[in-house]
Amino acid sequence: MLTAIERAAAERGYAIMLNLILEPETNDVDHLFSSLRARQVDGIIWAIPEVGGNRGWLRTHLAELPVPVILVGGMTGRPYLPSIAIDNAAIGCLATEHLLAGALGTSA
């Protein structure tokens, strides 16, 4: 996914900056948002799993960010924020079918 994002960004004259949050269950993201504002980013792709209460700050901080934000993965379904969902169940089924087809010598 990161490769595709980087490629699409480069085609449009943008570069990506990657920030890792090692403990996604934290509610202390003030330093990260401050850093993003200081760097004057043009947009944010927020790909962090939804665990515990780590999304409580989301609505509050979004009002402070003057750039577009999109959620990727587990934090979907926010009516106030665009998101891209990944259907892990469907991906698992496709992968299983592909592996079984290869093992049985057929095509799926």
PDB file of N, CA and C in Angstrom:
ATOM      1  N   MET A   1       0.825  -1.181   0.000  1.00  0.00           N
ATOM      2  CA  MET A   1       0.000   0.000   0.000  1.00  0.00           C
ATOM      3  C   MET A   1       0.880   1.258   0.000  1.00  0.00           C
ATOM      4  N   LEU A   2       1.941   1.256   0.806  1.00  0.00           N
ATOM      5  CA  LEU A   2       2.815   2.428   0.843  1.00  0.00           C
ATOM      6  C   LEU A   2       3.469   2.698  -0.500  1.00  0.00           C
ATOM      7  N   THR A   3       3.847   1.646  -1.197  1.00  0.00           N
ATOM      8  CA  THR A   3       4.463   1.818  -2.513  1.00  0.00           C
ATOM      9  C   THR A   3       3.494   2.483  -3.477  1.00  0.00           C
ATOM     10  N   ALA A   4       2.245   2.043  -3.479  1.00  0.00           N
ATOM     11  CA  ALA A   4       1.242   2.637  -4.372  1.00  0.00           C
ATOM     12  C   ALA A   4       0.974   4.090  -4.012  1.00  0.00           C
ATOM     13  N   ILE A   5       0.910   4.387  -2.723  1.00  0.00           N
ATOM     14  CA  ILE A   5       0.691   5.770  -2.284  1.00  0.00           C
ATOM     15  C   ILE A   5       1.857   6.650  -2.713  1.00  0.00           C
ATOM     16  N   GLU A   6       3.073   6.164  -2.499  1.00  0.00           N
ATOM     17  CA  GLU A   6       4.260   6.943  -2.860  1.00  0.00           C
ATOM     18  C   GLU A   6       4.325   7.177  -4.353  1.00  0.00           C
ATOM     19  N   ARG A   7       4.012   6.162  -5.121  1.00  0.00           N
ATOM     20  CA  ARG A   7       4.049   6.283  -6.586  1.00  0.00           C
ATOM     21  C   ARG A   7       3.015   7.303  -7.070  1.00  0.00           C
ATOM     22  N   ALA A   8       1.800   7.213  -6.559  1.00  0.00           N
ATOM     23  CA  ALA A   8       0.749   8.154  -6.963  1.00  0.00           C
ATOM     24  C   ALA A   8       1.101   9.573  -6.548  1.00  0.00           C
ATOM     25  N   ALA A   9       1.668   9.724  -5.366  1.00  0.00           N
ATOM     26  CA  ALA A   9       2.075  11.060  -4.907  1.00  0.00           C
ATOM     27  C   ALA A   9       3.165  11.628  -5.808  1.00  0.00           C
ATOM     28  N   ALA A  10       4.168  10.824  -6.133  1.00  0.00           N
ATOM     29  CA  ALA A  10       5.277  11.282  -6.976  1.00  0.00           C
ATOM     30  C   ALA A  10       4.787  11.688  -8.358  1.00  0.00           C
ATOM     31  N   GLU A  11       3.822  10.949  -8.909  1.00  0.00           N
ATOM     32  CA  GLU A  11       3.268  11.294 -10.220  1.00  0.00           C
ATOM     33  C   GLU A  11       2.596  12.652 -10.211  1.00  0.00           C
ATOM     34  N   ARG A  12       2.179  13.094  -9.044  1.00  0.00           N
ATOM     35  CA  ARG A  12       1.495  14.382  -8.922  1.00  0.00           C
ATOM     36  C   ARG A  12       2.397  15.460  -8.329  1.00  0.00           C
ATOM     37  N   GLY A  13       3.687  15.147  -8.204  1.00  0.00           N
ATOM     38  CA  GLY A  13       4.654  16.138  -7.719  1.00  0.00           C
ATOM     39  C   GLY A  13       4.739  16.260  -6.206  1.00  0.00           C
ATOM     40  N   TYR A  14       4.277  15.264  -5.484  1.00  0.00           N
ATOM     41  CA  TYR A  14       4.323  15.278  -4.021  1.00  0.00           C
ATOM     42  C   TYR A  14       5.288  14.220  -3.515  1.00  0.00           C
ATOM     43  N   ALA A  15       5.731  14.392  -2.311  1.00  0.00           N
ATOM     44  CA  ALA A  15       6.538  13.391  -1.620  1.00  0.00           C
ATOM     45  C   ALA A  15       5.794  13.005  -0.349  1.00  0.00           C
ATOM     46  N   ILE A  16       5.990  11.769   0.086  1.00  0.00           N
ATOM     47  CA  ILE A  16       5.327  11.367   1.318  1.00  0.00           C
ATOM     48  C   ILE A  16       6.318  11.428   2.482  1.00  0.00           C
ATOM     49  N   MET A  17       5.775  11.668   3.643  1.00  0.00           N
ATOM     50  CA  MET A  17       6.546  11.662   4.875  1.00  0.00           C
ATOM     51  C   MET A  17       5.875  10.619   5.768  1.00  0.00           C
ATOM     52  N   LEU A  18       6.642   9.697   6.286  1.00  0.00           N
ATOM     53  CA  LEU A  18       6.089   8.623   7.091  1.00  0.00           C
ATOM     54  C   LEU A  18       6.417   8.858   8.563  1.00  0.00           C
ATOM     55  N   ASN A  19       5.379   8.876   9.388  1.00  0.00           N
ATOM     56  CA  ASN A  19       5.538   8.950  10.838  1.00  0.00           C
ATOM     57  C   ASN A  19       4.944   7.694  11.433  1.00  0.00           C
ATOM     58  N   LEU A  20       5.706   6.995  12.230  1.00  0.00           N
ATOM     59  CA  LEU A  20       5.220   5.786  12.866  1.00  0.00           C
ATOM     60  C   LEU A  20       4.766   6.083  14.284  1.00  0.00           C
ATOM     61  N   ILE A  21       3.614   5.541  14.627  1.00  0.00           N
ATOM     62  CA  ILE A  21       3.139   5.615  16.002  1.00  0.00           C
ATOM     63  C   ILE A  21       3.301   4.212  16.562  1.00  0.00           C
ATOM     64  N   LEU A  22       4.262   4.054  17.446  1.00  0.00           N
ATOM     65  CA  LEU A  22       4.602   2.728  17.933  1.00  0.00           C
ATOM     66  C   LEU A  22       3.593   2.192  18.932  1.00  0.00           C
ATOM     67  N   GLU A  23       2.850   3.063  19.576  1.00  0.00           N
ATOM     68  CA  GLU A  23       1.834   2.644  20.531  1.00  0.00           C
ATOM     69  C   GLU A  23       0.503   3.279  20.131  1.00  0.00           C
ATOM     70  N   PRO A  24      -0.233   2.635  19.202  1.00  0.00           N
ATOM     71  CA  PRO A  24      -1.450   3.261  18.667  1.00  0.00           C
ATOM     72  C   PRO A  24      -2.563   3.437  19.694  1.00  0.00           C
ATOM     73  N   GLU A  25      -2.446   2.805  20.851  1.00  0.00           N
ATOM     74  CA  GLU A  25      -3.496   2.967  21.854  1.00  0.00           C
ATOM     75  C   GLU A  25      -3.352   4.261  22.651  1.00  0.00           C
ATOM     76  N   THR A  26      -2.308   5.017  22.383  1.00  0.00           N
ATOM     77  CA  THR A  26      -2.095   6.257  23.106  1.00  0.00           C
ATOM     78  C   THR A  26      -3.113   7.324  22.713  1.00  0.00           C
ATOM     79  N   ASN A  27      -3.440   8.172  23.643  1.00  0.00           N
ATOM     80  CA  ASN A  27      -4.288   9.332  23.349  1.00  0.00           C
ATOM     81  C   ASN A  27      -3.451  10.596  23.179  1.00  0.00           C
ATOM     82  N   ASP A  28      -2.150  10.477  23.355  1.00  0.00           N
ATOM     83  CA  ASP A  28      -1.257  11.623  23.300  1.00  0.00           C
ATOM     84  C   ASP A  28      -0.691  11.783  21.895  1.00  0.00           C
ATOM     85  N   VAL A  29      -1.443  12.408  21.032  1.00  0.00           N
ATOM     86  CA  VAL A  29      -0.991  12.628  19.661  1.00  0.00           C
ATOM     87  C   VAL A  29      -0.737  14.108  19.390  1.00  0.00           C
ATOM     88  N   ASP A  30      -0.790  14.924  20.433  1.00  0.00           N
ATOM     89  CA  ASP A  30      -0.570  16.362  20.260  1.00  0.00           C
ATOM     90  C   ASP A  30       0.757  16.656  19.575  1.00  0.00           C
ATOM     91  N   HIS A  31       1.821  15.958  19.991  1.00  0.00           N
ATOM     92  CA  HIS A  31       3.139  16.199  19.401  1.00  0.00           C
ATOM     93  C   HIS A  31       3.157  15.867  17.911  1.00  0.00           C
ATOM     94  N   LEU A  32       2.441  14.830  17.517  1.00  0.00           N
ATOM     95  CA  LEU A  32       2.402  14.455  16.106  1.00  0.00           C
ATOM     96  C   LEU A  32       1.663  15.497  15.278  1.00  0.00           C
ATOM     97  N   PHE A  33       0.509  15.935  15.738  1.00  0.00           N
ATOM     98  CA  PHE A  33      -0.242  16.951  15.005  1.00  0.00           C
ATOM     99  C   PHE A  33       0.524  18.274  14.959  1.00  0.00           C
ATOM    100  N   SER A  34       1.213  18.617  16.030  1.00  0.00           N
ATOM    101  CA  SER A  34       2.033  19.837  16.039  1.00  0.00           C
ATOM    102  C   SER A  34       3.139  19.739  14.998  1.00  0.00           C
ATOM    103  N   SER A  35       3.760  18.581  14.906  1.00  0.00           N
ATOM    104  CA  SER A  35       4.819  18.361  13.928  1.00  0.00           C
ATOM    105  C   SER A  35       4.292  18.474  12.508  1.00  0.00           C
ATOM    106  N   LEU A  36       3.125  17.884  12.249  1.00  0.00           N
ATOM    107  CA  LEU A  36       2.541  17.958  10.911  1.00  0.00           C
ATOM    108  C   LEU A  36       2.192  19.390  10.534  1.00  0.00           C
ATOM    109  N   ARG A  37       1.640  20.133  11.481  1.00  0.00           N
ATOM    110  CA  ARG A  37       1.326  21.545  11.202  1.00  0.00           C
ATOM    111  C   ARG A  37       2.598  22.332  10.946  1.00  0.00           C
ATOM    112  N   ALA A  38       3.649  22.086  11.733  1.00  0.00           N
ATOM    113  CA  ALA A  38       4.912  22.809  11.573  1.00  0.00           C
ATOM    114  C   ALA A  38       5.556  22.521  10.216  1.00  0.00           C
ATOM    115  N   ARG A  39       5.382  21.318   9.732  1.00  0.00           N
ATOM    116  CA  ARG A  39       5.959  20.941   8.433  1.00  0.00           C
ATOM    117  C   ARG A  39       5.081  21.357   7.271  1.00  0.00           C
ATOM    118  N   GLN A  40       3.940  21.914   7.537  1.00  0.00           N
ATOM    119  CA  GLN A  40       3.017  22.422   6.524  1.00  0.00           C
ATOM    120  C   GLN A  40       2.693  21.369   5.467  1.00  0.00           C
ATOM    121  N   VAL A  41       2.270  20.192   5.943  1.00  0.00           N
ATOM    122  CA  VAL A  41       1.920  19.116   5.018  1.00  0.00           C
ATOM    123  C   VAL A  41       0.687  19.504   4.215  1.00  0.00           C
ATOM    124  N   ASP A  42       0.550  18.916   3.034  1.00  0.00           N
ATOM    125  CA  ASP A  42      -0.578  19.199   2.156  1.00  0.00           C
ATOM    126  C   ASP A  42      -1.766  18.283   2.405  1.00  0.00           C
ATOM    127  N   GLY A  43      -1.558  17.203   3.134  1.00  0.00           N
ATOM    128  CA  GLY A  43      -2.622  16.262   3.429  1.00  0.00           C
ATOM    129  C   GLY A  43      -2.100  15.172   4.345  1.00  0.00           C
ATOM    130  N   ILE A  44      -3.027  14.418   4.920  1.00  0.00           N
ATOM    131  CA  ILE A  44      -2.648  13.353   5.846  1.00  0.00           C
ATOM    132  C   ILE A  44      -3.400  12.084   5.476  1.00  0.00           C
ATOM    133  N   ILE A  45      -2.662  10.996   5.346  1.00  0.00           N
ATOM    134  CA  ILE A  45      -3.245   9.668   5.204  1.00  0.00           C
ATOM    135  C   ILE A  45      -3.008   8.996   6.548  1.00  0.00           C
ATOM    136  N   TRP A  46      -4.076   8.774   7.289  1.00  0.00           N
ATOM    137  CA  TRP A  46      -3.980   8.266   8.660  1.00  0.00           C
ATOM    138  C   TRP A  46      -4.282   6.773   8.632  1.00  0.00           C
ATOM    139  N   ALA A  47      -3.246   5.960   8.764  1.00  0.00           N
ATOM    140  CA  ALA A  47      -3.397   4.505   8.719  1.00  0.00           C
ATOM    141  C   ALA A  47      -2.944   3.941  10.060  1.00  0.00           C
ATOM    142  N   ILE A  48      -3.865   3.874  10.981  1.00  0.00           N
ATOM    143  CA  ILE A  48      -3.561   3.362  12.313  1.00  0.00           C
ATOM    144  C   ILE A  48      -4.732   2.486  12.738  1.00  0.00           C
ATOM    145  N   PRO A  49      -4.449   1.367  13.372  1.00  0.00           N
ATOM    146  CA  PRO A  49      -5.563   0.506  13.787  1.00  0.00           C
ATOM    147  C   PRO A  49      -6.416   1.180  14.853  1.00  0.00           C
ATOM    148  N   GLU A  50      -7.673   0.838  14.851  1.00  0.00           N
ATOM    149  CA  GLU A  50      -8.588   1.381  15.853  1.00  0.00           C
ATOM    150  C   GLU A  50      -8.551   0.452  17.063  1.00  0.00           C
ATOM    151  N   VAL A  51      -7.827   0.872  18.086  1.00  0.00           N
ATOM    152  CA  VAL A  51      -7.705   0.076  19.306  1.00  0.00           C
ATOM    153  C   VAL A  51      -8.015   0.946  20.516  1.00  0.00           C
ATOM    154  N   GLY A  52      -8.680   0.353  21.476  1.00  0.00           N
ATOM    155  CA  GLY A  52      -8.985   1.092  22.698  1.00  0.00           C
ATOM    156  C   GLY A  52      -9.698   2.395  22.400  1.00  0.00           C
ATOM    157  N   GLY A  53      -9.289   3.446  23.061  1.00  0.00           N
ATOM    158  CA  GLY A  53      -9.897   4.758  22.872  1.00  0.00           C
ATOM    159  C   GLY A  53      -9.046   5.694  22.042  1.00  0.00           C
ATOM    160  N   ASN A  54      -8.189   5.135  21.152  1.00  0.00           N
ATOM    161  CA  ASN A  54      -7.262   5.995  20.427  1.00  0.00           C
ATOM    162  C   ASN A  54      -7.916   6.900  19.398  1.00  0.00           C
ATOM    163  N   ARG A  55      -9.218   6.809  19.238  1.00  0.00           N
ATOM    164  CA  ARG A  55      -9.876   7.693  18.266  1.00  0.00           C
ATOM    165  C   ARG A  55     -10.616   8.844  18.927  1.00  0.00           C
ATOM    166  N   GLY A  56     -10.590   8.924  20.247  1.00  0.00           N
ATOM    167  CA  GLY A  56     -11.303   9.979  20.952  1.00  0.00           C
ATOM    168  C   GLY A  56     -10.842  11.372  20.580  1.00  0.00           C
ATOM    169  N   TRP A  57      -9.577  11.524  20.246  1.00  0.00           N
ATOM    170  CA  TRP A  57      -8.992  12.819  19.900  1.00  0.00           C
ATOM    171  C   TRP A  57      -9.261  13.188  18.453  1.00  0.00           C
ATOM    172  N   LEU A  58      -9.702  12.226  17.641  1.00  0.00           N
ATOM    173  CA  LEU A  58      -9.766  12.435  16.201  1.00  0.00           C
ATOM    174  C   LEU A  58     -10.628  13.620  15.805  1.00  0.00           C
ATOM    175  N   ARG A  59     -11.857  13.656  16.278  1.00  0.00           N
ATOM    176  CA  ARG A  59     -12.760  14.733  15.870  1.00  0.00           C
ATOM    177  C   ARG A  59     -12.251  16.093  16.347  1.00  0.00           C
ATOM    178  N   THR A  60     -11.698  16.138  17.548  1.00  0.00           N
ATOM    179  CA  THR A  60     -11.176  17.392  18.101  1.00  0.00           C
ATOM    180  C   THR A  60     -10.024  17.935  17.268  1.00  0.00           C
ATOM    181  N   HIS A  61      -9.068  17.083  16.960  1.00  0.00           N
ATOM    182  CA  HIS A  61      -7.880  17.534  16.237  1.00  0.00           C
ATOM    183  C   HIS A  61      -8.151  17.825  14.769  1.00  0.00           C
ATOM    184  N   LEU A  62      -9.137  17.169  14.179  1.00  0.00           N
ATOM    185  CA  LEU A  62      -9.416  17.417  12.769  1.00  0.00           C
ATOM    186  C   LEU A  62      -9.795  18.865  12.516  1.00  0.00           C
ATOM    187  N   ALA A  63     -10.502  19.460  13.449  1.00  0.00           N
ATOM    188  CA  ALA A  63     -10.899  20.859  13.284  1.00  0.00           C
ATOM    189  C   ALA A  63      -9.682  21.778  13.260  1.00  0.00           C
ATOM    190  N   GLU A  64      -8.575  21.337  13.868  1.00  0.00           N
ATOM    191  CA  GLU A  64      -7.358  22.148  13.934  1.00  0.00           C
ATOM    192  C   GLU A  64      -6.478  21.997  12.702  1.00  0.00           C
ATOM    193  N   LEU A  65      -6.751  20.992  11.880  1.00  0.00           N
ATOM    194  CA  LEU A  65      -5.885  20.715  10.735  1.00  0.00           C
ATOM    195  C   LEU A  65      -6.462  21.340   9.470  1.00  0.00           C
ATOM    196  N   PRO A  66      -5.713  22.243   8.851  1.00  0.00           N
ATOM    197  CA  PRO A  66      -6.210  22.927   7.657  1.00  0.00           C
ATOM    198  C   PRO A  66      -5.935  22.153   6.364  1.00  0.00           C
ATOM    199  N   VAL A  67      -5.756  20.837   6.470  1.00  0.00           N
ATOM    200  CA  VAL A  67      -5.459  20.021   5.287  1.00  0.00           C
ATOM    201  C   VAL A  67      -6.408  18.824   5.237  1.00  0.00           C
ATOM    202  N   PRO A  68      -6.579  18.244   4.057  1.00  0.00           N
ATOM    203  CA  PRO A  68      -7.434  17.057   3.954  1.00  0.00           C
ATOM    204  C   PRO A  68      -6.828  15.867   4.704  1.00  0.00           C
ATOM    205  N   VAL A  69      -7.700  15.053   5.291  1.00  0.00           N
ATOM    206  CA  VAL A  69      -7.296  13.843   6.007  1.00  0.00           C
ATOM    207  C   VAL A  69      -8.156  12.696   5.501  1.00  0.00           C
ATOM    208  N   ILE A  70      -7.535  11.547   5.281  1.00  0.00           N
ATOM    209  CA  ILE A  70      -8.275  10.341   4.912  1.00  0.00           C
ATOM    210  C   ILE A  70      -7.805   9.201   5.801  1.00  0.00           C
ATOM    211  N   LEU A  71      -8.734   8.378   6.225  1.00  0.00           N
ATOM    212  CA  LEU A  71      -8.421   7.214   7.058  1.00  0.00           C
ATOM    213  C   LEU A  71      -8.255   5.988   6.181  1.00  0.00           C
ATOM    214  N   VAL A  72      -7.286   5.162   6.498  1.00  0.00           N
ATOM    215  CA  VAL A  72      -7.063   3.916   5.772  1.00  0.00           C
ATOM    216  C   VAL A  72      -7.105   2.776   6.769  1.00  0.00           C
ATOM    217  N   GLY A  73      -7.851   1.743   6.446  1.00  0.00           N
ATOM    218  CA  GLY A  73      -7.835   0.547   7.274  1.00  0.00           C
ATOM    219  C   GLY A  73      -8.907   0.542   8.328  1.00  0.00           C
ATOM    220  N   GLY A  74      -8.494   0.284   9.567  1.00  0.00           N
ATOM    221  CA  GLY A  74      -9.419   0.007  10.646  1.00  0.00           C
ATOM    222  C   GLY A  74     -10.261   1.154  11.146  1.00  0.00           C
ATOM    223  N   MET A  75      -9.916   2.384  10.856  1.00  0.00           N
ATOM    224  CA  MET A  75     -10.664   3.515  11.407  1.00  0.00           C
ATOM    225  C   MET A  75     -11.610   4.091  10.363  1.00  0.00           C
ATOM    226  N   THR A  76     -12.477   3.270   9.848  1.00  0.00           N
ATOM    227  CA  THR A  76     -13.419   3.725   8.822  1.00  0.00           C
ATOM    228  C   THR A  76     -14.772   4.006   9.444  1.00  0.00           C
ATOM    229  N   GLY A  77     -15.670   4.499   8.633  1.00  0.00           N
ATOM    230  CA  GLY A  77     -17.038   4.702   9.080  1.00  0.00           C
ATOM    231  C   GLY A  77     -17.267   5.989   9.845  1.00  0.00           C
ATOM    232  N   ARG A  78     -16.459   6.993   9.617  1.00  0.00           N
ATOM    233  CA  ARG A  78     -16.669   8.287  10.249  1.00  0.00           C
ATOM    234  C   ARG A  78     -17.380   9.178   9.237  1.00  0.00           C
ATOM    235  N   PRO A  79     -18.619   9.599   9.516  1.00  0.00           N
ATOM    236  CA  PRO A  79     -19.355  10.376   8.520  1.00  0.00           C
ATOM    237  C   PRO A  79     -18.698  11.730   8.224  1.00  0.00           C
ATOM    238  N   TYR A  80     -17.859  12.207   9.104  1.00  0.00           N
ATOM    239  CA  TYR A  80     -17.225  13.505   8.930  1.00  0.00           C
ATOM    240  C   TYR A  80     -15.839  13.399   8.297  1.00  0.00           C
ATOM    241  N   LEU A  81     -15.447  12.177   7.860  1.00  0.00           N
ATOM    242  CA  LEU A  81     -14.099  11.987   7.342  1.00  0.00           C
ATOM    243  C   LEU A  81     -14.078  10.906   6.266  1.00  0.00           C
ATOM    244  N   PRO A  82     -13.485  11.192   5.092  1.00  0.00           N
ATOM    245  CA  PRO A  82     -13.388  10.159   4.068  1.00  0.00           C
ATOM    246  C   PRO A  82     -12.507   9.007   4.548  1.00  0.00           C
ATOM    247  N   SER A  83     -12.818   7.802   4.076  1.00  0.00           N
ATOM    248  CA  SER A  83     -12.028   6.656   4.499  1.00  0.00           C
ATOM    249  C   SER A  83     -11.975   5.608   3.396  1.00  0.00           C
ATOM    250  N   ILE A  84     -10.952   4.769   3.481  1.00  0.00           N
ATOM    251  CA  ILE A  84     -10.785   3.628   2.586  1.00  0.00           C
ATOM    252  C   ILE A  84     -10.737   2.399   3.473  1.00  0.00           C
ATOM    253  N   ALA A  85     -11.653   1.476   3.241  1.00  0.00           N
ATOM    254  CA  ALA A  85     -11.688   0.255   4.041  1.00  0.00           C
ATOM    255  C   ALA A  85     -10.986  -0.877   3.298  1.00  0.00           C
ATOM    256  N   ILE A  86     -10.399  -1.742   4.063  1.00  0.00           N
ATOM    257  CA  ILE A  86      -9.770  -2.930   3.518  1.00  0.00           C
ATOM    258  C   ILE A  86     -10.586  -4.115   4.007  1.00  0.00           C
ATOM    259  N   ASP A  87     -11.129  -4.897   3.079  1.00  0.00           N
ATOM    260  CA  ASP A  87     -11.971  -6.028   3.431  1.00  0.00           C
ATOM    261  C   ASP A  87     -11.089  -7.252   3.632  1.00  0.00           C
ATOM    262  N   ASN A  88     -10.607  -7.429   4.861  1.00  0.00           N
ATOM    263  CA  ASN A  88      -9.693  -8.525   5.156  1.00  0.00           C
ATOM    264  C   ASN A  88     -10.327  -9.897   4.922  1.00  0.00           C
ATOM    265  N   ALA A  89     -11.626 -10.035   5.180  1.00  0.00           N
ATOM    266  CA  ALA A  89     -12.295 -11.318   4.965  1.00  0.00           C
ATOM    267  C   ALA A  89     -12.280 -11.685   3.480  1.00  0.00           C
ATOM    268  N   ALA A  90     -12.614 -10.725   2.623  1.00  0.00           N
ATOM    269  CA  ALA A  90     -12.609 -10.989   1.182  1.00  0.00           C
ATOM    270  C   ALA A  90     -11.197 -11.280   0.685  1.00  0.00           C
ATOM    271  N   ILE A  91     -10.220 -10.554   1.193  1.00  0.00           N
ATOM    272  CA  ILE A  91      -8.830 -10.798   0.797  1.00  0.00           C
ATOM    273  C   ILE A  91      -8.400 -12.196   1.228  1.00  0.00           C
ATOM    274  N   GLY A  92      -8.795 -12.593   2.434  1.00  0.00           N
ATOM    275  CA  GLY A  92      -8.473 -13.935   2.916  1.00  0.00           C
ATOM    276  C   GLY A  92      -9.080 -15.012   2.045  1.00  0.00           C
ATOM    277  N   CYS A  93     -10.329 -14.818   1.629  1.00  0.00           N
ATOM    278  CA  CYS A  93     -10.992 -15.786   0.742  1.00  0.00           C
ATOM    279  C   CYS A  93     -10.283 -15.873  -0.604  1.00  0.00           C
ATOM    280  N   LEU A  94      -9.947 -14.720  -1.184  1.00  0.00           N
ATOM    281  CA  LEU A  94      -9.253 -14.720  -2.474  1.00  0.00           C
ATOM    282  C   LEU A  94      -7.897 -15.404  -2.367  1.00  0.00           C
ATOM    283  N   ALA A  95      -7.167 -15.122  -1.309  1.00  0.00           N
ATOM    284  CA  ALA A  95      -5.853 -15.743  -1.124  1.00  0.00           C
ATOM    285  C   ALA A  95      -5.985 -17.252  -0.969  1.00  0.00           C
ATOM    286  N   THR A  96      -6.967 -17.685  -0.209  1.00  0.00           N
ATOM    287  CA  THR A  96      -7.187 -19.123  -0.009  1.00  0.00           C
ATOM    288  C   THR A  96      -7.556 -19.802  -1.319  1.00  0.00           C
ATOM    289  N   GLU A  97      -8.458 -19.188  -2.067  1.00  0.00           N
ATOM    290  CA  GLU A  97      -8.846 -19.745  -3.364  1.00  0.00           C
ATOM    291  C   GLU A  97      -7.644 -19.849  -4.298  1.00  0.00           C
ATOM    292  N   HIS A  98      -6.819 -18.825  -4.303  1.00  0.00           N
ATOM    293  CA  HIS A  98      -5.633 -18.809  -5.160  1.00  0.00           C
ATOM    294  C   HIS A  98      -4.675 -19.934  -4.777  1.00  0.00           C
ATOM    295  N   LEU A  99      -4.444 -20.091  -3.465  1.00  0.00           N
ATOM    296  CA  LEU A  99      -3.528 -21.138  -3.003  1.00  0.00           C
ATOM    297  C   LEU A  99      -4.097 -22.523  -3.292  1.00  0.00           C
ATOM    298  N   LEU A 100      -5.393 -22.710  -3.075  1.00  0.00           N
ATOM    299  CA  LEU A 100      -6.008 -24.002  -3.358  1.00  0.00           C
ATOM    300  C   LEU A 100      -5.972 -24.316  -4.856  1.00  0.00           C
ATOM    301  N   ALA A 101      -6.223 -23.305  -5.682  1.00  0.00           N
ATOM    302  CA  ALA A 101      -6.187 -23.518  -7.129  1.00  0.00           C
ATOM    303  C   ALA A 101      -4.790 -23.947  -7.563  1.00  0.00           C
ATOM    304  N   GLY A 102      -3.770 -23.327  -6.981  1.00  0.00           N
ATOM    305  CA  GLY A 102      -2.392 -23.695  -7.315  1.00  0.00           C
ATOM    306  C   GLY A 102      -2.061 -25.103  -6.852  1.00  0.00           C
ATOM    307  N   ALA A 103      -2.544 -25.467  -5.669  1.00  0.00           N
ATOM    308  CA  ALA A 103      -2.279 -26.802  -5.120  1.00  0.00           C
ATOM    309  C   ALA A 103      -3.002 -27.878  -5.927  1.00  0.00           C
ATOM    310  N   LEU A 104      -4.171 -27.540  -6.465  1.00  0.00           N
ATOM    311  CA  LEU A 104      -4.959 -28.516  -7.224  1.00  0.00           C
ATOM    312  C   LEU A 104      -4.681 -28.457  -8.711  1.00  0.00           C
ATOM    313  N   GLY A 105      -3.848 -27.489  -9.114  1.00  0.00           N
ATOM    314  CA  GLY A 105      -3.493 -27.372 -10.538  1.00  0.00           C
ATOM    315  C   GLY A 105      -4.584 -26.790 -11.384  1.00  0.00           C
ATOM    316  N   THR A 106      -5.497 -26.012 -10.778  1.00  0.00           N
ATOM    317  CA  THR A 106      -6.574 -25.367 -11.531  1.00  0.00           C
ATOM    318  C   THR A 106      -6.408 -23.874 -11.416  1.00  0.00           C
ATOM    319  N   SER A 107      -7.202 -23.134 -12.146  1.00  0.00           N
ATOM    320  CA  SER A 107      -7.167 -21.680 -12.040  1.00  0.00           C
ATOM    321  C   SER A 107      -8.443 -21.195 -11.386  1.00  0.00           C
ATOM    322  N   ALA A 108      -8.311 -20.195 -10.520  1.00  0.00           N
ATOM    323  CA  ALA A 108      -9.480 -19.644  -9.818  1.00  0.00           C
ATOM    324  C   ALA A 108     -10.017 -18.458 -10.542  1.00  0.00           C
TER     325      ALA A 108
END
